[in-house]
């Protein structure tokens, strides 16, 4: 980001890629900490089936990833290598649907 304040709603609809260029999903919503006025997570849908196939429970259509995984925000959002995290998730960083 260039330091210019942006509307949180401008994140909705942006595509998310890992820093290795792998498509992860599309931002459907954001999770906020109202007290601190910070974004704490991104709710993704339109997920990459290669990354999430067999990982979602029946009826789940998206995942929530921690905002601390975000590396850069521009025309697209870049996150840490999600594939590696999915293979060996830390207990406090597990991807939740």
PDB file of N, CA and C in Angstrom:
ATOM      1  N   UNK A   1       0.834  -1.175   0.000  1.00  0.00           N
ATOM      2  CA  UNK A   1       0.000   0.000   0.000  1.00  0.00           C
ATOM      3  C   UNK A   1       0.879   1.238   0.000  1.00  0.00           C
ATOM      4  N   UNK A   2       0.371   2.324  -0.535  1.00  0.00           N
ATOM      5  CA  UNK A   2       1.161   3.540  -0.629  1.00  0.00           C
ATOM      6  C   UNK A   2       0.972   4.472   0.557  1.00  0.00           C
ATOM      7  N   UNK A   3       0.299   4.021   1.612  1.00  0.00           N
ATOM      8  CA  UNK A   3       0.098   4.843   2.790  1.00  0.00           C
ATOM      9  C   UNK A   3      -1.181   5.656   2.753  1.00  0.00           C
ATOM     10  N   UNK A   4      -1.834   5.715   1.598  1.00  0.00           N
ATOM     11  CA  UNK A   4      -3.087   6.435   1.485  1.00  0.00           C
ATOM     12  C   UNK A   4      -4.194   5.614   2.118  1.00  0.00           C
ATOM     13  N   UNK A   5      -4.982   6.200   3.024  1.00  0.00           N
ATOM     14  CA  UNK A   5      -6.082   5.441   3.630  1.00  0.00           C
ATOM     15  C   UNK A   5      -7.036   4.925   2.552  1.00  0.00           C
ATOM     16  N   UNK A   6      -7.488   3.690   2.726  1.00  0.00           N
ATOM     17  CA  UNK A   6      -8.423   3.094   1.784  1.00  0.00           C
ATOM     18  C   UNK A   6      -9.655   2.634   2.536  1.00  0.00           C
ATOM     19  N   UNK A   7     -10.769   2.637   1.858  1.00  0.00           N
ATOM     20  CA  UNK A   7     -11.987   2.088   2.423  1.00  0.00           C
ATOM     21  C   UNK A   7     -11.812   0.577   2.546  1.00  0.00           C
ATOM     22  N   UNK A   8     -12.238   0.040   3.680  1.00  0.00           N
ATOM     23  CA  UNK A   8     -12.151  -1.413   3.880  1.00  0.00           C
ATOM     24  C   UNK A   8     -12.930  -2.140   2.799  1.00  0.00           C
ATOM     25  N   UNK A   9     -14.034  -1.555   2.382  1.00  0.00           N
ATOM     26  CA  UNK A   9     -14.860  -2.213   1.364  1.00  0.00           C
ATOM     27  C   UNK A   9     -14.124  -2.352   0.039  1.00  0.00           C
ATOM     28  N   UNK A  10     -13.048  -1.582  -0.162  1.00  0.00           N
ATOM     29  CA  UNK A  10     -12.295  -1.708  -1.413  1.00  0.00           C
ATOM     30  C   UNK A  10     -11.552  -3.042  -1.501  1.00  0.00           C
ATOM     31  N   UNK A  11     -11.386  -3.726  -0.364  1.00  0.00           N
ATOM     32  CA  UNK A  11     -10.749  -5.041  -0.382  1.00  0.00           C
ATOM     33  C   UNK A  11     -11.683  -6.115  -0.937  1.00  0.00           C
ATOM     34  N   UNK A  12     -12.982  -5.949  -0.723  1.00  0.00           N
ATOM     35  CA  UNK A  12     -13.954  -6.953  -1.155  1.00  0.00           C
ATOM     36  C   UNK A  12     -13.906  -7.097  -2.672  1.00  0.00           C
ATOM     37  N   UNK A  13     -13.799  -8.342  -3.109  1.00  0.00           N
ATOM     38  CA  UNK A  13     -13.756  -8.636  -4.533  1.00  0.00           C
ATOM     39  C   UNK A  13     -12.347  -8.786  -5.084  1.00  0.00           C
ATOM     40  N   UNK A  14     -11.340  -8.386  -4.328  1.00  0.00           N
ATOM     41  CA  UNK A  14      -9.962  -8.528  -4.827  1.00  0.00           C
ATOM     42  C   UNK A  14      -9.519  -9.985  -4.759  1.00  0.00           C
ATOM     43  N   UNK A  15      -8.711 -10.358  -5.718  1.00  0.00           N
ATOM     44  CA  UNK A  15      -8.163 -11.709  -5.742  1.00  0.00           C
ATOM     45  C   UNK A  15      -6.974 -11.791  -4.802  1.00  0.00           C
ATOM     46  N   UNK A  16      -6.798 -12.967  -4.201  1.00  0.00           N
ATOM     47  CA  UNK A  16      -5.711 -13.213  -3.266  1.00  0.00           C
ATOM     48  C   UNK A  16      -4.798 -14.280  -3.859  1.00  0.00           C
ATOM     49  N   UNK A  17      -3.502 -13.992  -3.834  1.00  0.00           N
ATOM     50  CA  UNK A  17      -2.491 -14.914  -4.343  1.00  0.00           C
ATOM     51  C   UNK A  17      -1.435 -15.133  -3.271  1.00  0.00           C
ATOM     52  N   UNK A  18      -0.808 -16.304  -3.287  1.00  0.00           N
ATOM     53  CA  UNK A  18       0.335 -16.523  -2.397  1.00  0.00           C
ATOM     54  C   UNK A  18       1.515 -15.741  -2.958  1.00  0.00           C
ATOM     55  N   UNK A  19       2.539 -15.531  -2.149  1.00  0.00           N
ATOM     56  CA  UNK A  19       3.709 -14.804  -2.647  1.00  0.00           C
ATOM     57  C   UNK A  19       4.464 -15.603  -3.704  1.00  0.00           C
ATOM     58  N   UNK A  20       4.057 -16.849  -3.930  1.00  0.00           N
ATOM     59  CA  UNK A  20       4.617 -17.656  -5.023  1.00  0.00           C
ATOM     60  C   UNK A  20       3.766 -17.584  -6.284  1.00  0.00           C
ATOM     61  N   UNK A  21       2.708 -16.761  -6.264  1.00  0.00           N
ATOM     62  CA  UNK A  21       1.883 -16.570  -7.443  1.00  0.00           C
ATOM     63  C   UNK A  21       0.736 -17.549  -7.596  1.00  0.00           C
ATOM     64  N   UNK A  22       0.428 -18.333  -6.567  1.00  0.00           N
ATOM     65  CA  UNK A  22      -0.662 -19.304  -6.631  1.00  0.00           C
ATOM     66  C   UNK A  22      -1.965 -18.626  -6.212  1.00  0.00           C
ATOM     67  N   UNK A  23      -2.993 -18.724  -7.063  1.00  0.00           N
ATOM     68  CA  UNK A  23      -4.299 -18.152  -6.733  1.00  0.00           C
ATOM     69  C   UNK A  23      -4.872 -18.862  -5.515  1.00  0.00           C
ATOM     70  N   UNK A  24      -5.334 -18.095  -4.521  1.00  0.00           N
ATOM     71  CA  UNK A  24      -5.887 -18.653  -3.298  1.00  0.00           C
ATOM     72  C   UNK A  24      -7.398 -18.524  -3.279  1.00  0.00           C
ATOM     73  N   UNK A  25      -7.924 -17.339  -3.558  1.00  0.00           N
ATOM     74  CA  UNK A  25      -9.362 -17.110  -3.526  1.00  0.00           C
ATOM     75  C   UNK A  25      -9.663 -15.648  -3.738  1.00  0.00           C
ATOM     76  N   UNK A  26     -10.912 -15.289  -3.481  1.00  0.00           N
ATOM     77  CA  UNK A  26     -11.365 -13.916  -3.649  1.00  0.00           C
ATOM     78  C   UNK A  26     -11.925 -13.419  -2.322  1.00  0.00           C
ATOM     79  N   UNK A  27     -11.623 -12.176  -1.972  1.00  0.00           N
ATOM     80  CA  UNK A  27     -12.092 -11.619  -0.704  1.00  0.00           C
ATOM     81  C   UNK A  27     -13.590 -11.370  -0.768  1.00  0.00           C
ATOM     82  N   UNK A  28     -14.312 -11.988   0.170  1.00  0.00           N
ATOM     83  CA  UNK A  28     -15.759 -11.807   0.266  1.00  0.00           C
ATOM     84  C   UNK A  28     -16.112 -10.820   1.375  1.00  0.00           C
ATOM     85  N   UNK A  29     -15.298 -10.808   2.434  1.00  0.00           N
ATOM     86  CA  UNK A  29     -15.585  -9.952   3.580  1.00  0.00           C
ATOM     87  C   UNK A  29     -14.307  -9.794   4.391  1.00  0.00           C
ATOM     88  N   UNK A  30     -14.327  -8.862   5.331  1.00  0.00           N
ATOM     89  CA  UNK A  30     -13.185  -8.671   6.218  1.00  0.00           C
ATOM     90  C   UNK A  30     -13.634  -8.831   7.658  1.00  0.00           C
ATOM     91  N   UNK A  31     -12.712  -9.288   8.496  1.00  0.00           N
ATOM     92  CA  UNK A  31     -12.978  -9.411   9.936  1.00  0.00           C
ATOM     93  C   UNK A  31     -12.263  -8.242  10.605  1.00  0.00           C
ATOM     94  N   UNK A  32     -12.996  -7.539  11.463  1.00  0.00           N
ATOM     95  CA  UNK A  32     -12.470  -6.331  12.088  1.00  0.00           C
ATOM     96  C   UNK A  32     -12.375  -6.468  13.589  1.00  0.00           C
ATOM     97  N   UNK A  33     -11.398  -5.780  14.172  1.00  0.00           N
ATOM     98  CA  UNK A  33     -11.355  -5.552  15.611  1.00  0.00           C
ATOM     99  C   UNK A  33     -11.792  -4.107  15.770  1.00  0.00           C
ATOM    100  N   UNK A  34     -13.038  -3.914  16.179  1.00  0.00           N
ATOM    101  CA  UNK A  34     -13.619  -2.582  16.259  1.00  0.00           C
ATOM    102  C   UNK A  34     -12.873  -1.716  17.268  1.00  0.00           C
ATOM    103  N   UNK A  35     -12.500  -2.292  18.420  1.00  0.00           N
ATOM    104  CA  UNK A  35     -11.816  -1.520  19.459  1.00  0.00           C
ATOM    105  C   UNK A  35     -10.501  -0.929  18.960  1.00  0.00           C
ATOM    106  N   UNK A  36      -9.729  -1.731  18.235  1.00  0.00           N
ATOM    107  CA  UNK A  36      -8.426  -1.279  17.736  1.00  0.00           C
ATOM    108  C   UNK A  36      -8.497  -0.664  16.343  1.00  0.00           C
ATOM    109  N   UNK A  37      -9.682  -0.757  15.718  1.00  0.00           N
ATOM    110  CA  UNK A  37      -9.873  -0.251  14.350  1.00  0.00           C
ATOM    111  C   UNK A  37      -8.885  -0.877  13.375  1.00  0.00           C
ATOM    112  N   UNK A  38      -8.753  -2.204  13.458  1.00  0.00           N
ATOM    113  CA  UNK A  38      -7.835  -2.917  12.583  1.00  0.00           C
ATOM    114  C   UNK A  38      -8.539  -4.091  11.912  1.00  0.00           C
ATOM    115  N   UNK A  39      -8.025  -4.460  10.754  1.00  0.00           N
ATOM    116  CA  UNK A  39      -8.480  -5.663  10.061  1.00  0.00           C
ATOM    117  C   UNK A  39      -7.729  -6.840  10.662  1.00  0.00           C
ATOM    118  N   UNK A  40      -8.453  -7.883  11.072  1.00  0.00           N
ATOM    119  CA  UNK A  40      -7.795  -9.048  11.673  1.00  0.00           C
ATOM    120  C   UNK A  40      -7.855 -10.283  10.796  1.00  0.00           C
ATOM    121  N   UNK A  41      -8.716 -10.291   9.788  1.00  0.00           N
ATOM    122  CA  UNK A  41      -8.816 -11.463   8.938  1.00  0.00           C
ATOM    123  C   UNK A  41      -9.510 -11.153   7.631  1.00  0.00           C
ATOM    124  N   UNK A  42      -9.323 -12.049   6.675  1.00  0.00           N
ATOM    125  CA  UNK A  42      -9.979 -11.945   5.375  1.00  0.00           C
ATOM    126  C   UNK A  42     -10.800 -13.200   5.140  1.00  0.00           C
ATOM    127  N   UNK A  43     -12.072 -13.006   4.830  1.00  0.00           N
ATOM    128  CA  UNK A  43     -12.949 -14.123   4.490  1.00  0.00           C
ATOM    129  C   UNK A  43     -12.880 -14.305   2.975  1.00  0.00           C
ATOM    130  N   UNK A  44     -12.456 -15.497   2.565  1.00  0.00           N
ATOM    131  CA  UNK A  44     -12.282 -15.778   1.137  1.00  0.00           C
ATOM    132  C   UNK A  44     -13.328 -16.768   0.656  1.00  0.00           C
ATOM    133  N   UNK A  45     -13.782 -16.549  -0.576  1.00  0.00           N
ATOM    134  CA  UNK A  45     -14.605 -17.533  -1.268  1.00  0.00           C
ATOM    135  C   UNK A  45     -14.026 -17.700  -2.667  1.00  0.00           C
ATOM    136  N   UNK A  46     -14.753 -18.364  -3.550  1.00  0.00           N
ATOM    137  CA  UNK A  46     -14.221 -18.647  -4.890  1.00  0.00           C
ATOM    138  C   UNK A  46     -12.813 -19.225  -4.773  1.00  0.00           C
ATOM    139  N   UNK A  47     -12.679 -20.214  -3.903  1.00  0.00           N
ATOM    140  CA  UNK A  47     -11.372 -20.758  -3.545  1.00  0.00           C
ATOM    141  C   UNK A  47     -10.743 -21.593  -4.652  1.00  0.00           C
ATOM    142  N   UNK A  48      -9.429 -21.639  -4.639  1.00  0.00           N
ATOM    143  CA  UNK A  48      -8.674 -22.497  -5.537  1.00  0.00           C
ATOM    144  C   UNK A  48      -8.934 -23.947  -5.116  1.00  0.00           C
ATOM    145  N   UNK A  49      -9.597 -24.734  -5.957  1.00  0.00           N
ATOM    146  CA  UNK A  49      -9.925 -26.107  -5.566  1.00  0.00           C
ATOM    147  C   UNK A  49      -8.699 -26.975  -5.308  1.00  0.00           C
ATOM    148  N   UNK A  50      -7.573 -26.682  -5.949  1.00  0.00           N
ATOM    149  CA  UNK A  50      -6.362 -27.470  -5.712  1.00  0.00           C
ATOM    150  C   UNK A  50      -5.834 -27.275  -4.294  1.00  0.00           C
ATOM    151  N   UNK A  51      -6.054 -26.102  -3.716  1.00  0.00           N
ATOM    152  CA  UNK A  51      -5.571 -25.825  -2.358  1.00  0.00           C
ATOM    153  C   UNK A  51      -6.536 -26.321  -1.293  1.00  0.00           C
ATOM    154  N   UNK A  52      -7.839 -26.221  -1.562  1.00  0.00           N
ATOM    155  CA  UNK A  52      -8.820 -26.450  -0.513  1.00  0.00           C
ATOM    156  C   UNK A  52      -9.705 -27.678  -0.714  1.00  0.00           C
ATOM    157  N   UNK A  53      -9.511 -28.422  -1.791  1.00  0.00           N
ATOM    158  CA  UNK A  53     -10.326 -29.597  -2.038  1.00  0.00           C
ATOM    159  C   UNK A  53     -10.176 -30.591  -0.887  1.00  0.00           C
ATOM    160  N   UNK A  54     -11.293 -30.983  -0.282  1.00  0.00           N
ATOM    161  CA  UNK A  54     -11.279 -31.931   0.811  1.00  0.00           C
ATOM    162  C   UNK A  54     -10.984 -31.316   2.167  1.00  0.00           C
ATOM    163  N   UNK A  55     -10.765 -30.013   2.225  1.00  0.00           N
ATOM    164  CA  UNK A  55     -10.451 -29.347   3.485  1.00  0.00           C
ATOM    165  C   UNK A  55     -11.656 -28.666   4.110  1.00  0.00           C
ATOM    166  N   UNK A  56     -12.714 -28.484   3.353  1.00  0.00           N
ATOM    167  CA  UNK A  56     -13.898 -27.809   3.873  1.00  0.00           C
ATOM    168  C   UNK A  56     -14.957 -28.828   4.256  1.00  0.00           C
ATOM    169  N   UNK A  57     -15.653 -28.530   5.338  1.00  0.00           N
ATOM    170  CA  UNK A  57     -16.770 -29.369   5.762  1.00  0.00           C
ATOM    171  C   UNK A  57     -17.930 -29.155   4.799  1.00  0.00           C
ATOM    172  N   UNK A  58     -18.838 -30.086   4.758  1.00  0.00           N
ATOM    173  CA  UNK A  58     -20.014 -29.981   3.910  1.00  0.00           C
ATOM    174  C   UNK A  58     -20.776 -28.703   4.255  1.00  0.00           C
ATOM    175  N   UNK A  59     -21.108 -27.935   3.257  1.00  0.00           N
ATOM    176  CA  UNK A  59     -21.853 -26.697   3.454  1.00  0.00           C
ATOM    177  C   UNK A  59     -20.980 -25.463   3.609  1.00  0.00           C
ATOM    178  N   UNK A  60     -19.692 -25.632   3.905  1.00  0.00           N
ATOM    179  CA  UNK A  60     -18.794 -24.485   4.021  1.00  0.00           C
ATOM    180  C   UNK A  60     -18.386 -24.041   2.622  1.00  0.00           C
ATOM    181  N   UNK A  61     -18.344 -22.734   2.440  1.00  0.00           N
ATOM    182  CA  UNK A  61     -18.029 -22.231   1.100  1.00  0.00           C
ATOM    183  C   UNK A  61     -16.834 -21.291   1.079  1.00  0.00           C
ATOM    184  N   UNK A  62     -16.172 -21.126   2.219  1.00  0.00           N
ATOM    185  CA  UNK A  62     -15.036 -20.226   2.255  1.00  0.00           C
ATOM    186  C   UNK A  62     -14.152 -20.489   3.451  1.00  0.00           C
ATOM    187  N   UNK A  63     -13.097 -19.675   3.554  1.00  0.00           N
ATOM    188  CA  UNK A  63     -12.162 -19.772   4.660  1.00  0.00           C
ATOM    189  C   UNK A  63     -11.878 -18.373   5.192  1.00  0.00           C
ATOM    190  N   UNK A  64     -11.409 -18.318   6.431  1.00  0.00           N
ATOM    191  CA  UNK A  64     -10.979 -17.077   7.056  1.00  0.00           C
ATOM    192  C   UNK A  64      -9.487 -17.193   7.314  1.00  0.00           C
ATOM    193  N   UNK A  65      -8.717 -16.282   6.728  1.00  0.00           N
ATOM    194  CA  UNK A  65      -7.269 -16.309   6.959  1.00  0.00           C
ATOM    195  C   UNK A  65      -6.875 -15.103   7.800  1.00  0.00           C
ATOM    196  N   UNK A  66      -5.875 -15.264   8.657  1.00  0.00           N
ATOM    197  CA  UNK A  66      -5.426 -14.139   9.490  1.00  0.00           C
ATOM    198  C   UNK A  66      -4.835 -13.020   8.633  1.00  0.00           C
ATOM    199  N   UNK A  67      -5.142 -11.787   8.981  1.00  0.00           N
ATOM    200  CA  UNK A  67      -4.620 -10.652   8.223  1.00  0.00           C
ATOM    201  C   UNK A  67      -3.099 -10.553   8.334  1.00  0.00           C
ATOM    202  N   UNK A  68      -2.524 -11.100   9.395  1.00  0.00           N
ATOM    203  CA  UNK A  68      -1.061 -11.041   9.543  1.00  0.00           C
ATOM    204  C   UNK A  68      -0.344 -11.819   8.434  1.00  0.00           C
ATOM    205  N   UNK A  69      -1.071 -12.662   7.706  1.00  0.00           N
ATOM    206  CA  UNK A  69      -0.472 -13.371   6.576  1.00  0.00           C
ATOM    207  C   UNK A  69      -0.311 -12.473   5.362  1.00  0.00           C
ATOM    208  N   UNK A  70      -0.971 -11.316   5.347  1.00  0.00           N
ATOM    209  CA  UNK A  70      -0.947 -10.427   4.186  1.00  0.00           C
ATOM    210  C   UNK A  70       0.443  -9.813   4.052  1.00  0.00           C
ATOM    211  N   UNK A  71       0.983  -9.919   2.848  1.00  0.00           N
ATOM    212  CA  UNK A  71       2.307  -9.362   2.551  1.00  0.00           C
ATOM    213  C   UNK A  71       2.199  -8.020   1.839  1.00  0.00           C
ATOM    214  N   UNK A  72       1.188  -7.877   0.951  1.00  0.00           N
ATOM    215  CA  UNK A  72       1.028  -6.650   0.174  1.00  0.00           C
ATOM    216  C   UNK A  72      -0.407  -6.539  -0.304  1.00  0.00           C
ATOM    217  N   UNK A  73      -0.865  -5.288  -0.406  1.00  0.00           N
ATOM    218  CA  UNK A  73      -2.207  -5.008  -0.927  1.00  0.00           C
ATOM    219  C   UNK A  73      -2.049  -4.039  -2.081  1.00  0.00           C
ATOM    220  N   UNK A  74      -2.578  -4.425  -3.218  1.00  0.00           N
ATOM    221  CA  UNK A  74      -2.563  -3.583  -4.413  1.00  0.00           C
ATOM    222  C   UNK A  74      -3.782  -3.955  -5.237  1.00  0.00           C
ATOM    223  N   UNK A  75      -3.585  -4.110  -6.532  1.00  0.00           N
ATOM    224  CA  UNK A  75      -4.687  -4.581  -7.379  1.00  0.00           C
ATOM    225  C   UNK A  75      -5.122  -5.972  -6.951  1.00  0.00           C
ATOM    226  N   UNK A  76      -4.174  -6.739  -6.426  1.00  0.00           N
ATOM    227  CA  UNK A  76      -4.447  -8.042  -5.825  1.00  0.00           C
ATOM    228  C   UNK A  76      -3.829  -8.025  -4.428  1.00  0.00           C
ATOM    229  N   UNK A  77      -4.173  -9.020  -3.626  1.00  0.00           N
ATOM    230  CA  UNK A  77      -3.613  -9.134  -2.282  1.00  0.00           C
ATOM    231  C   UNK A  77      -2.657 -10.320  -2.267  1.00  0.00           C
ATOM    232  N   UNK A  78      -1.443 -10.097  -1.781  1.00  0.00           N
ATOM    233  CA  UNK A  78      -0.467 -11.167  -1.670  1.00  0.00           C
ATOM    234  C   UNK A  78      -0.381 -11.607  -0.216  1.00  0.00           C
ATOM    235  N   UNK A  79      -0.395 -12.935  -0.019  1.00  0.00           N
ATOM    236  CA  UNK A  79      -0.288 -13.491   1.327  1.00  0.00           C
ATOM    237  C   UNK A  79       0.898 -14.441   1.384  1.00  0.00           C
ATOM    238  N   UNK A  80       1.325 -14.759   2.608  1.00  0.00           N
ATOM    239  CA  UNK A  80       2.391 -15.740   2.795  1.00  0.00           C
ATOM    240  C   UNK A  80       2.038 -17.019   2.054  1.00  0.00           C
ATOM    241  N   UNK A  81       3.011 -17.855   1.869  1.00  0.00           N
ATOM    242  CA  UNK A  81       2.804 -19.093   1.122  1.00  0.00           C
ATOM    243  C   UNK A  81       1.786 -19.982   1.837  1.00  0.00           C
ATOM    244  N   UNK A  82       0.537 -19.842   1.450  1.00  0.00           N
ATOM    245  CA  UNK A  82      -0.568 -20.558   2.078  1.00  0.00           C
ATOM    246  C   UNK A  82      -0.414 -22.063   1.937  1.00  0.00           C
ATOM    247  N   UNK A  83       0.155 -22.517   0.862  1.00  0.00           N
ATOM    248  CA  UNK A  83       0.301 -23.959   0.642  1.00  0.00           C
ATOM    249  C   UNK A  83       1.128 -24.578   1.759  1.00  0.00           C
ATOM    250  N   UNK A  84       2.241 -23.952   2.113  1.00  0.00           N
ATOM    251  CA  UNK A  84       3.079 -24.488   3.186  1.00  0.00           C
ATOM    252  C   UNK A  84       2.343 -24.472   4.518  1.00  0.00           C
ATOM    253  N   UNK A  85       1.593 -23.443   4.782  1.00  0.00           N
ATOM    254  CA  UNK A  85       0.840 -23.357   6.039  1.00  0.00           C
ATOM    255  C   UNK A  85      -0.266 -24.407   6.090  1.00  0.00           C
ATOM    256  N   UNK A  86      -0.851 -24.732   4.957  1.00  0.00           N
ATOM    257  CA  UNK A  86      -1.902 -25.742   4.948  1.00  0.00           C
ATOM    258  C   UNK A  86      -1.310 -27.129   5.187  1.00  0.00           C
ATOM    259  N   UNK A  87      -0.095 -27.352   4.748  1.00  0.00           N
ATOM    260  CA  UNK A  87       0.530 -28.655   4.942  1.00  0.00           C
ATOM    261  C   UNK A  87       0.899 -28.874   6.406  1.00  0.00           C
ATOM    262  N   UNK A  88       1.368 -27.802   7.098  1.00  0.00           N
ATOM    263  CA  UNK A  88       1.791 -27.910   8.493  1.00  0.00           C
ATOM    264  C   UNK A  88       1.273 -26.702   9.271  1.00  0.00           C
ATOM    265  N   UNK A  89      -0.045 -26.596   9.499  1.00  0.00           N
ATOM    266  CA  UNK A  89      -0.552 -25.413  10.194  1.00  0.00           C
ATOM    267  C   UNK A  89      -0.123 -25.388  11.656  1.00  0.00           C
ATOM    268  N   UNK A  90       0.253 -24.199  12.122  1.00  0.00           N
ATOM    269  CA  UNK A  90       0.492 -24.009  13.545  1.00  0.00           C
ATOM    270  C   UNK A  90      -0.866 -23.981  14.223  1.00  0.00           C
ATOM    271  N   UNK A  91      -0.935 -24.360  15.477  1.00  0.00           N
ATOM    272  CA  UNK A  91      -2.223 -24.413  16.160  1.00  0.00           C
ATOM    273  C   UNK A  91      -2.903 -23.064  16.149  1.00  0.00           C
ATOM    274  N   UNK A  92      -2.187 -21.982  16.356  1.00  0.00           N
ATOM    275  CA  UNK A  92      -2.826 -20.677  16.428  1.00  0.00           C
ATOM    276  C   UNK A  92      -3.010 -20.028  15.068  1.00  0.00           C
ATOM    277  N   UNK A  93      -2.519 -20.659  14.003  1.00  0.00           N
ATOM    278  CA  UNK A  93      -2.638 -20.076  12.696  1.00  0.00           C
ATOM    279  C   UNK A  93      -3.411 -20.965  11.724  1.00  0.00           C
ATOM    280  N   UNK A  94      -4.116 -21.925  12.232  1.00  0.00           N
ATOM    281  CA  UNK A  94      -4.829 -22.854  11.372  1.00  0.00           C
ATOM    282  C   UNK A  94      -5.895 -22.118  10.575  1.00  0.00           C
ATOM    283  N   UNK A  95      -6.015 -22.461   9.307  1.00  0.00           N
ATOM    284  CA  UNK A  95      -7.038 -21.858   8.454  1.00  0.00           C
ATOM    285  C   UNK A  95      -8.391 -22.363   8.925  1.00  0.00           C
ATOM    286  N   UNK A  96      -9.300 -21.448   9.162  1.00  0.00           N
ATOM    287  CA  UNK A  96     -10.630 -21.800   9.656  1.00  0.00           C
ATOM    288  C   UNK A  96     -11.664 -21.440   8.617  1.00  0.00           C
ATOM    289  N   UNK A  97     -12.669 -22.275   8.513  1.00  0.00           N
ATOM    290  CA  UNK A  97     -13.747 -21.999   7.569  1.00  0.00           C
ATOM    291  C   UNK A  97     -14.882 -21.276   8.260  1.00  0.00           C
TER     292      UNK A  97
END
